[in-house]
């Protein structure tokens, strides 16, 4: 397989194959024991989970967008059906 084709397939926004890292992205707090160890040592800022919080916010916003698009699509279908019944 050529380099360009591999690069293209690796950068697609869909999952191909048996890539099972979805479970890692959906955990509440990654490496909780390690983060608490660093926090007690005082080597990090007090906001250790800022990155995880931003990921949760992104995931929530993404879900809200998908749900709103689905509702909007359903509304269009219902209104189209009503319009067709008039004719």
N, C-alpha and C. Protein backbone atom coordinates (compact mmCIF):
# COMPACT_ATOMS: atom_id res chain seq x y z
N UNK A 1 0.85 -1.17 0.00
CA UNK A 1 0.00 0.00 0.00
C UNK A 1 0.89 1.23 0.00
N UNK A 2 0.57 2.19 -0.81
CA UNK A 2 1.41 3.38 -0.92
C UNK A 2 1.30 4.24 0.33
N UNK A 3 2.29 5.08 0.51
CA UNK A 3 2.34 5.96 1.67
C UNK A 3 1.16 6.92 1.67
N UNK A 4 0.84 7.47 0.51
CA UNK A 4 -0.27 8.43 0.42
C UNK A 4 -1.59 7.76 0.80
N UNK A 5 -1.80 6.53 0.36
CA UNK A 5 -3.04 5.83 0.67
C UNK A 5 -3.12 5.51 2.16
N UNK A 6 -2.02 5.06 2.77
CA UNK A 6 -2.02 4.79 4.20
C UNK A 6 -2.29 6.05 5.00
N UNK A 7 -1.67 7.15 4.59
CA UNK A 7 -1.86 8.43 5.27
C UNK A 7 -3.32 8.87 5.17
N UNK A 8 -3.91 8.72 3.99
CA UNK A 8 -5.31 9.09 3.79
C UNK A 8 -6.22 8.25 4.68
N UNK A 9 -5.99 6.93 4.72
CA UNK A 9 -6.83 6.05 5.52
C UNK A 9 -6.66 6.30 7.02
N UNK A 10 -5.46 6.69 7.44
CA UNK A 10 -5.23 6.96 8.86
C UNK A 10 -5.88 8.26 9.31
N UNK A 11 -6.14 9.17 8.39
CA UNK A 11 -6.70 10.46 8.77
C UNK A 11 -8.20 10.57 8.49
N UNK A 12 -8.85 9.47 8.16
CA UNK A 12 -10.29 9.48 7.98
C UNK A 12 -10.97 9.62 9.34
N UNK A 13 -12.09 10.32 9.42
CA UNK A 13 -12.76 10.50 10.71
C UNK A 13 -13.59 9.30 11.15
N UNK A 14 -13.48 8.17 10.46
CA UNK A 14 -14.22 6.97 10.84
C UNK A 14 -13.23 5.91 11.32
N UNK A 15 -13.75 4.94 12.05
CA UNK A 15 -12.90 3.88 12.55
C UNK A 15 -12.87 2.74 11.55
N UNK A 16 -11.67 2.30 11.22
CA UNK A 16 -11.50 1.17 10.32
C UNK A 16 -10.72 0.10 11.08
N UNK A 17 -11.22 -1.11 11.08
CA UNK A 17 -10.50 -2.18 11.75
C UNK A 17 -10.95 -2.35 13.19
N UNK A 18 -10.07 -2.91 14.00
CA UNK A 18 -10.41 -3.23 15.38
C UNK A 18 -9.75 -2.25 16.34
N UNK A 19 -9.92 -1.00 16.11
CA UNK A 19 -9.35 0.01 17.00
C UNK A 19 -10.31 0.19 18.17
N UNK A 20 -9.90 -0.22 19.35
CA UNK A 20 -10.82 -0.22 20.49
C UNK A 20 -10.37 0.76 21.57
N UNK A 21 -10.00 1.96 21.19
CA UNK A 21 -9.60 2.93 22.21
C UNK A 21 -10.76 3.84 22.58
N UNK A 22 -11.98 3.55 22.10
CA UNK A 22 -13.14 4.37 22.44
C UNK A 22 -13.39 4.34 23.94
N UNK A 23 -13.16 3.20 24.57
CA UNK A 23 -13.39 3.06 26.00
C UNK A 23 -12.44 3.96 26.78
N UNK A 24 -11.25 4.20 26.27
CA UNK A 24 -10.30 5.07 26.96
C UNK A 24 -10.75 6.53 26.92
N UNK A 25 -11.40 6.93 25.84
CA UNK A 25 -11.82 8.32 25.72
C UNK A 25 -13.08 8.62 26.51
N UNK A 26 -13.80 7.60 26.96
CA UNK A 26 -15.06 7.84 27.64
C UNK A 26 -14.96 7.66 29.15
N UNK A 27 -13.78 7.40 29.68
CA UNK A 27 -13.66 7.27 31.11
C UNK A 27 -13.80 8.62 31.77
N UNK A 28 -14.28 8.62 32.99
CA UNK A 28 -14.51 9.88 33.68
C UNK A 28 -13.22 10.64 33.96
N UNK A 29 -12.27 9.99 34.57
CA UNK A 29 -10.99 10.62 34.88
C UNK A 29 -9.90 9.61 34.57
N UNK A 30 -9.03 9.95 33.65
CA UNK A 30 -7.98 9.03 33.24
C UNK A 30 -6.82 9.08 34.26
N UNK A 31 -6.29 7.93 34.55
CA UNK A 31 -5.15 7.81 35.44
C UNK A 31 -5.41 8.50 36.78
N UNK A 32 -6.51 8.16 37.41
CA UNK A 32 -6.92 8.85 38.64
C UNK A 32 -5.90 8.67 39.75
N UNK A 33 -5.35 7.47 39.89
CA UNK A 33 -4.37 7.25 40.96
C UNK A 33 -3.10 8.04 40.71
N UNK A 34 -2.65 8.08 39.47
CA UNK A 34 -1.44 8.84 39.14
C UNK A 34 -1.67 10.32 39.34
N UNK A 35 -2.84 10.81 38.94
CA UNK A 35 -3.15 12.23 39.11
C UNK A 35 -3.20 12.59 40.59
N UNK A 36 -3.81 11.73 41.41
CA UNK A 36 -3.88 12.04 42.83
C UNK A 36 -2.49 11.98 43.46
N UNK A 37 -1.63 11.07 43.00
CA UNK A 37 -0.26 11.00 43.50
C UNK A 37 0.49 12.29 43.19
N UNK A 38 0.35 12.78 41.96
CA UNK A 38 1.02 14.03 41.60
C UNK A 38 0.44 15.22 42.34
N UNK A 39 -0.86 15.20 42.56
CA UNK A 39 -1.50 16.30 43.26
C UNK A 39 -1.04 16.37 44.71
N UNK A 40 -0.88 15.23 45.37
CA UNK A 40 -0.43 15.24 46.76
C UNK A 40 1.03 15.63 46.85
N UNK A 41 1.79 15.37 45.81
CA UNK A 41 3.19 15.75 45.82
C UNK A 41 3.40 17.24 45.58
N UNK A 42 2.39 17.94 45.08
CA UNK A 42 2.50 19.36 44.86
C UNK A 42 3.27 19.73 43.61
N UNK A 43 3.48 18.77 42.71
CA UNK A 43 4.27 19.07 41.52
C UNK A 43 3.43 19.60 40.37
N UNK A 44 2.10 19.56 40.52
CA UNK A 44 1.22 20.05 39.46
C UNK A 44 0.32 21.16 39.99
N UNK A 45 -0.28 21.86 39.06
CA UNK A 45 -1.27 22.88 39.42
C UNK A 45 -2.49 22.20 40.03
N UNK A 46 -3.31 22.92 40.76
CA UNK A 46 -4.46 22.28 41.41
C UNK A 46 -5.51 21.75 40.43
N UNK A 47 -5.53 22.22 39.19
CA UNK A 47 -6.51 21.75 38.22
C UNK A 47 -5.89 20.66 37.35
N UNK A 48 -5.82 19.46 37.91
CA UNK A 48 -5.19 18.35 37.21
C UNK A 48 -6.08 17.84 36.08
N UNK A 49 -7.40 17.87 36.31
CA UNK A 49 -8.30 17.26 35.34
C UNK A 49 -8.88 18.28 34.36
N UNK A 50 -8.21 19.36 34.08
CA UNK A 50 -8.72 20.37 33.14
C UNK A 50 -8.87 19.78 31.74
N UNK A 51 -7.92 18.97 31.32
CA UNK A 51 -8.00 18.35 29.99
C UNK A 51 -9.17 17.38 29.91
N UNK A 52 -9.36 16.56 30.95
CA UNK A 52 -10.48 15.63 30.95
C UNK A 52 -11.81 16.38 30.95
N UNK A 53 -11.87 17.49 31.69
CA UNK A 53 -13.09 18.28 31.70
C UNK A 53 -13.39 18.86 30.32
N UNK A 54 -12.35 19.31 29.63
CA UNK A 54 -12.57 19.84 28.28
C UNK A 54 -13.04 18.74 27.34
N UNK A 55 -12.52 17.52 27.51
CA UNK A 55 -12.99 16.41 26.68
C UNK A 55 -14.45 16.07 26.96
N UNK A 56 -14.84 16.10 28.25
CA UNK A 56 -16.23 15.83 28.60
C UNK A 56 -17.15 16.89 28.02
N UNK A 57 -16.72 18.15 28.06
CA UNK A 57 -17.53 19.23 27.51
C UNK A 57 -17.67 19.07 26.01
N UNK A 58 -16.58 18.74 25.32
CA UNK A 58 -16.65 18.52 23.88
C UNK A 58 -17.60 17.39 23.53
N UNK A 59 -17.51 16.29 24.29
CA UNK A 59 -18.36 15.14 24.04
C UNK A 59 -19.83 15.49 24.28
N UNK A 60 -20.11 16.28 25.32
CA UNK A 60 -21.47 16.69 25.60
C UNK A 60 -22.02 17.60 24.51
N UNK A 61 -21.20 18.54 24.07
CA UNK A 61 -21.63 19.45 23.00
C UNK A 61 -21.88 18.67 21.72
N UNK A 62 -21.01 17.71 21.43
CA UNK A 62 -21.19 16.89 20.23
C UNK A 62 -22.50 16.11 20.30
N UNK A 63 -22.82 15.55 21.47
CA UNK A 63 -24.07 14.81 21.62
C UNK A 63 -25.28 15.73 21.47
N UNK A 64 -25.18 16.93 22.04
CA UNK A 64 -26.28 17.89 21.91
C UNK A 64 -26.52 18.28 20.46
N UNK A 65 -25.44 18.46 19.71
CA UNK A 65 -25.57 18.80 18.30
C UNK A 65 -26.22 17.66 17.53
N UNK A 66 -25.80 16.44 17.80
CA UNK A 66 -26.38 15.28 17.10
C UNK A 66 -27.86 15.14 17.43
N UNK A 67 -28.21 15.28 18.71
CA UNK A 67 -29.61 15.16 19.10
C UNK A 67 -30.44 16.26 18.47
N UNK A 68 -29.92 17.48 18.46
CA UNK A 68 -30.68 18.59 17.86
C UNK A 68 -30.85 18.38 16.34
N UNK A 69 -29.83 17.85 15.68
CA UNK A 69 -29.96 17.57 14.25
C UNK A 69 -30.98 16.47 13.99
N UNK A 70 -31.01 15.46 14.85
CA UNK A 70 -32.00 14.41 14.70
C UNK A 70 -33.42 14.93 14.92
N UNK A 71 -33.58 15.78 15.93
CA UNK A 71 -34.89 16.37 16.18
C UNK A 71 -35.32 17.27 15.03
N UNK A 72 -34.40 18.04 14.50
CA UNK A 72 -34.68 18.90 13.38
C UNK A 72 -35.07 18.09 12.15
N UNK A 73 -34.34 16.99 11.91
CA UNK A 73 -34.67 16.11 10.80
C UNK A 73 -36.05 15.48 10.97
N UNK A 74 -36.39 15.07 12.18
CA UNK A 74 -37.71 14.52 12.45
C UNK A 74 -38.80 15.56 12.25
N UNK A 75 -38.53 16.79 12.64
CA UNK A 75 -39.50 17.87 12.45
C UNK A 75 -39.74 18.10 10.96
N UNK A 76 -38.67 18.06 10.16
CA UNK A 76 -38.81 18.24 8.71
C UNK A 76 -39.66 17.11 8.12
N UNK A 77 -39.44 15.89 8.57
CA UNK A 77 -40.22 14.75 8.07
C UNK A 77 -41.69 14.93 8.42
N UNK A 78 -41.98 15.32 9.65
CA UNK A 78 -43.38 15.50 10.07
C UNK A 78 -44.04 16.62 9.28
N UNK A 79 -43.36 17.72 9.12
CA UNK A 79 -43.93 18.84 8.38
C UNK A 79 -44.11 18.49 6.90
N UNK A 80 -43.19 17.73 6.35
CA UNK A 80 -43.33 17.30 4.95
C UNK A 80 -44.54 16.38 4.80
N UNK A 81 -44.73 15.50 5.75
CA UNK A 81 -45.88 14.60 5.70
C UNK A 81 -47.19 15.39 5.79
N UNK A 82 -47.21 16.39 6.66
CA UNK A 82 -48.40 17.23 6.77
C UNK A 82 -48.67 17.98 5.46
N UNK A 83 -47.62 18.49 4.85
CA UNK A 83 -47.78 19.22 3.59
C UNK A 83 -48.26 18.29 2.48
N UNK A 84 -47.78 17.07 2.46
CA UNK A 84 -48.21 16.11 1.43
C UNK A 84 -49.67 15.71 1.61
N UNK A 85 -50.13 15.69 2.86
CA UNK A 85 -51.54 15.32 3.07
C UNK A 85 -52.49 16.41 2.60
N UNK A 86 -52.00 17.64 2.49
CA UNK A 86 -52.85 18.72 2.02
C UNK A 86 -53.09 18.64 0.52
N UNK A 87 -52.14 18.09 -0.20
CA UNK A 87 -52.25 18.03 -1.67
C UNK A 87 -52.84 16.74 -2.08
